[in-house]
Amino acid sequence: MKSKIYVFSNVVGGGDGIAYAMAEDGTVLGSHWCSHEEYARGDLGVTEGSRPDRHVTYAEHYPDGYEMEFVPASEVRTHAGLKAAFELNKQQAEKAKEGS
């Protein structure tokens, strides 16, 4: 099974604001300001053929391949995979804080 990269809006309701591409290990691989969450699909490379530049970064993180998954704003808090990635992201932040 390939690793996942989740793309989601960080705005309640998916309106104007920041969207992220987060690896399942919690690493934030990209972000983009979108006027609506649906634009995140193209802006962060979920849509086939979009943003080859983003995929260079994604492939550096997951050289053995990955799958892109768009998570609608309405599912961000309940999506099991994204919730696990958030927890790992939190742990990364705590480790970074301890090291500073």
C-alpha atoms as a PDB file:
ATOM      1  CA  MET A   1       0.000   0.000   0.000  1.00  0.00           C
ATOM      2  CA  LYS A   2       1.364   3.407  -0.977  1.00  0.00           C
ATOM      3  CA  SER A   3       1.825   6.228   1.490  1.00  0.00           C
ATOM      4  CA  LYS A   4      -0.843   8.933   1.522  1.00  0.00           C
ATOM      5  CA  ILE A   5      -0.660  12.662   1.134  1.00  0.00           C
ATOM      6  CA  TYR A   6      -3.790  14.385   2.381  1.00  0.00           C
ATOM      7  CA  VAL A   7      -4.904  17.706   0.917  1.00  0.00           C
ATOM      8  CA  PHE A   8      -7.396  19.707   2.943  1.00  0.00           C
ATOM      9  CA  SER A   9      -8.614  23.198   3.700  1.00  0.00           C
ATOM     10  CA  ASN A  10      -7.782  24.502   7.154  1.00  0.00           C
ATOM     11  CA  VAL A  11     -10.885  26.701   7.085  1.00  0.00           C
ATOM     12  CA  VAL A  12     -14.185  25.666   8.645  1.00  0.00           C
ATOM     13  CA  GLY A  13     -16.596  25.358   5.747  1.00  0.00           C
ATOM     14  CA  GLY A  14     -13.783  25.235   3.180  1.00  0.00           C
ATOM     15  CA  GLY A  15     -13.933  28.915   2.240  1.00  0.00           C
ATOM     16  CA  ASP A  16     -11.193  31.477   1.614  1.00  0.00           C
ATOM     17  CA  GLY A  17      -8.003  30.486   3.422  1.00  0.00           C
ATOM     18  CA  ILE A  18      -5.030  28.196   3.681  1.00  0.00           C
ATOM     19  CA  ALA A  19      -5.024  24.622   2.420  1.00  0.00           C
ATOM     20  CA  TYR A  20      -2.330  22.060   3.156  1.00  0.00           C
ATOM     21  CA  ALA A  21      -0.758  18.946   1.740  1.00  0.00           C
ATOM     22  CA  MET A  22       0.210  16.751   4.699  1.00  0.00           C
ATOM     23  CA  ALA A  23       1.977  13.418   4.507  1.00  0.00           C
ATOM     24  CA  GLU A  24       0.518  10.588   6.534  1.00  0.00           C
ATOM     25  CA  ASP A  25       3.615  10.814   8.763  1.00  0.00           C
ATOM     26  CA  GLY A  26       2.541  14.334   9.780  1.00  0.00           C
ATOM     27  CA  THR A  27       4.996  16.279   7.639  1.00  0.00           C
ATOM     28  CA  VAL A  28       3.511  19.332   5.940  1.00  0.00           C
ATOM     29  CA  LEU A  29       4.688  19.167   2.338  1.00  0.00           C
ATOM     30  CA  GLY A  30       2.972  22.237   0.957  1.00  0.00           C
ATOM     31  CA  SER A  31       0.371  24.926   1.428  1.00  0.00           C
ATOM     32  CA  HIS A  32      -1.601  27.316  -0.738  1.00  0.00           C
ATOM     33  CA  TRP A  33      -4.113  30.102  -0.135  1.00  0.00           C
ATOM     34  CA  CYS A  34      -7.340  29.086  -1.868  1.00  0.00           C
ATOM     35  CA  SER A  35     -10.552  31.058  -2.264  1.00  0.00           C
ATOM     36  CA  HIS A  36     -12.465  27.761  -1.898  1.00  0.00           C
ATOM     37  CA  GLU A  37     -11.412  24.273  -0.829  1.00  0.00           C
ATOM     38  CA  GLU A  38     -12.154  22.792  -4.263  1.00  0.00           C
ATOM     39  CA  TYR A  39      -9.264  24.812  -5.729  1.00  0.00           C
ATOM     40  CA  ALA A  40      -6.883  22.959  -3.404  1.00  0.00           C
ATOM     41  CA  ARG A  41      -7.259  19.865  -5.596  1.00  0.00           C
ATOM     42  CA  GLY A  42      -5.433  21.603  -8.441  1.00  0.00           C
ATOM     43  CA  ASP A  43      -3.266  23.986  -6.427  1.00  0.00           C
ATOM     44  CA  LEU A  44      -1.752  21.197  -4.333  1.00  0.00           C
ATOM     45  CA  GLY A  45      -1.626  18.500  -7.010  1.00  0.00           C
ATOM     46  CA  VAL A  46      -4.521  16.141  -6.319  1.00  0.00           C
ATOM     47  CA  THR A  47      -5.968  16.611  -9.798  1.00  0.00           C
ATOM     48  CA  GLU A  48      -4.158  14.359 -12.275  1.00  0.00           C
ATOM     49  CA  GLY A  49      -1.518  16.322 -14.180  1.00  0.00           C
ATOM     50  CA  SER A  50      -1.695  19.417 -11.981  1.00  0.00           C
ATOM     51  CA  ARG A  51       1.280  21.060 -10.306  1.00  0.00           C
ATOM     52  CA  PRO A  52       4.192  18.851 -11.355  1.00  0.00           C
ATOM     53  CA  ASP A  53       6.402  21.103  -9.219  1.00  0.00           C
ATOM     54  CA  ARG A  54       4.553  19.977  -6.103  1.00  0.00           C
ATOM     55  CA  HIS A  55       5.025  16.344  -7.078  1.00  0.00           C
ATOM     56  CA  VAL A  56       8.797  16.826  -7.120  1.00  0.00           C
ATOM     57  CA  THR A  57       8.609  17.701  -3.414  1.00  0.00           C
ATOM     58  CA  TYR A  58       6.168  14.873  -2.692  1.00  0.00           C
ATOM     59  CA  ALA A  59       8.406  12.332  -4.461  1.00  0.00           C
ATOM     60  CA  GLU A  60      11.405  13.507  -2.439  1.00  0.00           C
ATOM     61  CA  HIS A  61       9.458  12.724   0.720  1.00  0.00           C
ATOM     62  CA  TYR A  62       8.012   9.441  -0.578  1.00  0.00           C
ATOM     63  CA  PRO A  63      10.477   8.122  -3.203  1.00  0.00           C
ATOM     64  CA  ASP A  64       8.685   4.745  -3.310  1.00  0.00           C
ATOM     65  CA  GLY A  65       5.447   6.423  -4.388  1.00  0.00           C
ATOM     66  CA  TYR A  66       2.365   7.895  -2.786  1.00  0.00           C
ATOM     67  CA  GLU A  67      -1.335   8.445  -3.267  1.00  0.00           C
ATOM     68  CA  MET A  68      -3.051  11.811  -3.089  1.00  0.00           C
ATOM     69  CA  GLU A  69      -6.318  12.130  -1.180  1.00  0.00           C
ATOM     70  CA  PHE A  70      -8.490  15.225  -0.948  1.00  0.00           C
ATOM     71  CA  VAL A  71     -10.316  15.512   2.373  1.00  0.00           C
ATOM     72  CA  PRO A  72     -13.321  17.868   2.306  1.00  0.00           C
ATOM     73  CA  ALA A  73     -13.514  20.448   5.105  1.00  0.00           C
ATOM     74  CA  SER A  74     -16.639  18.718   6.393  1.00  0.00           C
ATOM     75  CA  GLU A  75     -14.573  15.559   7.072  1.00  0.00           C
ATOM     76  CA  VAL A  76     -11.302  17.033   8.392  1.00  0.00           C
ATOM     77  CA  ARG A  77     -12.144  16.430  12.058  1.00  0.00           C
ATOM     78  CA  THR A  78     -13.435  12.884  11.521  1.00  0.00           C
ATOM     79  CA  HIS A  79     -11.156  11.479   8.809  1.00  0.00           C
ATOM     80  CA  ALA A  80      -9.158   8.678  10.474  1.00  0.00           C
ATOM     81  CA  GLY A  81      -6.046   8.992   8.319  1.00  0.00           C
ATOM     82  CA  LEU A  82      -5.852  12.758   8.632  1.00  0.00           C
ATOM     83  CA  LYS A  83      -6.468  12.603  12.386  1.00  0.00           C
ATOM     84  CA  ALA A  84      -3.513  10.216  12.697  1.00  0.00           C
ATOM     85  CA  ALA A  85      -1.373  12.555  10.583  1.00  0.00           C
ATOM     86  CA  PHE A  86      -2.357  15.504  12.818  1.00  0.00           C
ATOM     87  CA  GLU A  87      -1.214  13.559  15.876  1.00  0.00           C
ATOM     88  CA  LEU A  88       2.136  12.756  14.257  1.00  0.00           C
ATOM     89  CA  ASN A  89       2.484  16.404  13.224  1.00  0.00           C
ATOM     90  CA  LYS A  90       1.896  17.428  16.838  1.00  0.00           C
ATOM     91  CA  GLN A  91       4.606  15.000  17.975  1.00  0.00           C
ATOM     92  CA  GLN A  92       7.012  16.456  15.397  1.00  0.00           C
ATOM     93  CA  ALA A  93       6.331  19.943  16.759  1.00  0.00           C
ATOM     94  CA  GLU A  94       6.932  18.810  20.337  1.00  0.00           C
ATOM     95  CA  LYS A  95      10.248  17.180  19.374  1.00  0.00           C
ATOM     96  CA  ALA A  96      11.311  20.306  17.508  1.00  0.00           C
ATOM     97  CA  LYS A  97      10.445  22.466  20.507  1.00  0.00           C
ATOM     98  CA  GLU A  98      12.478  20.217  22.820  1.00  0.00           C
ATOM     99  CA  GLY A  99      15.459  20.511  20.481  1.00  0.00           C
ATOM    100  CA  SER A 100      15.431  24.312  20.365  1.00  0.00           C
END
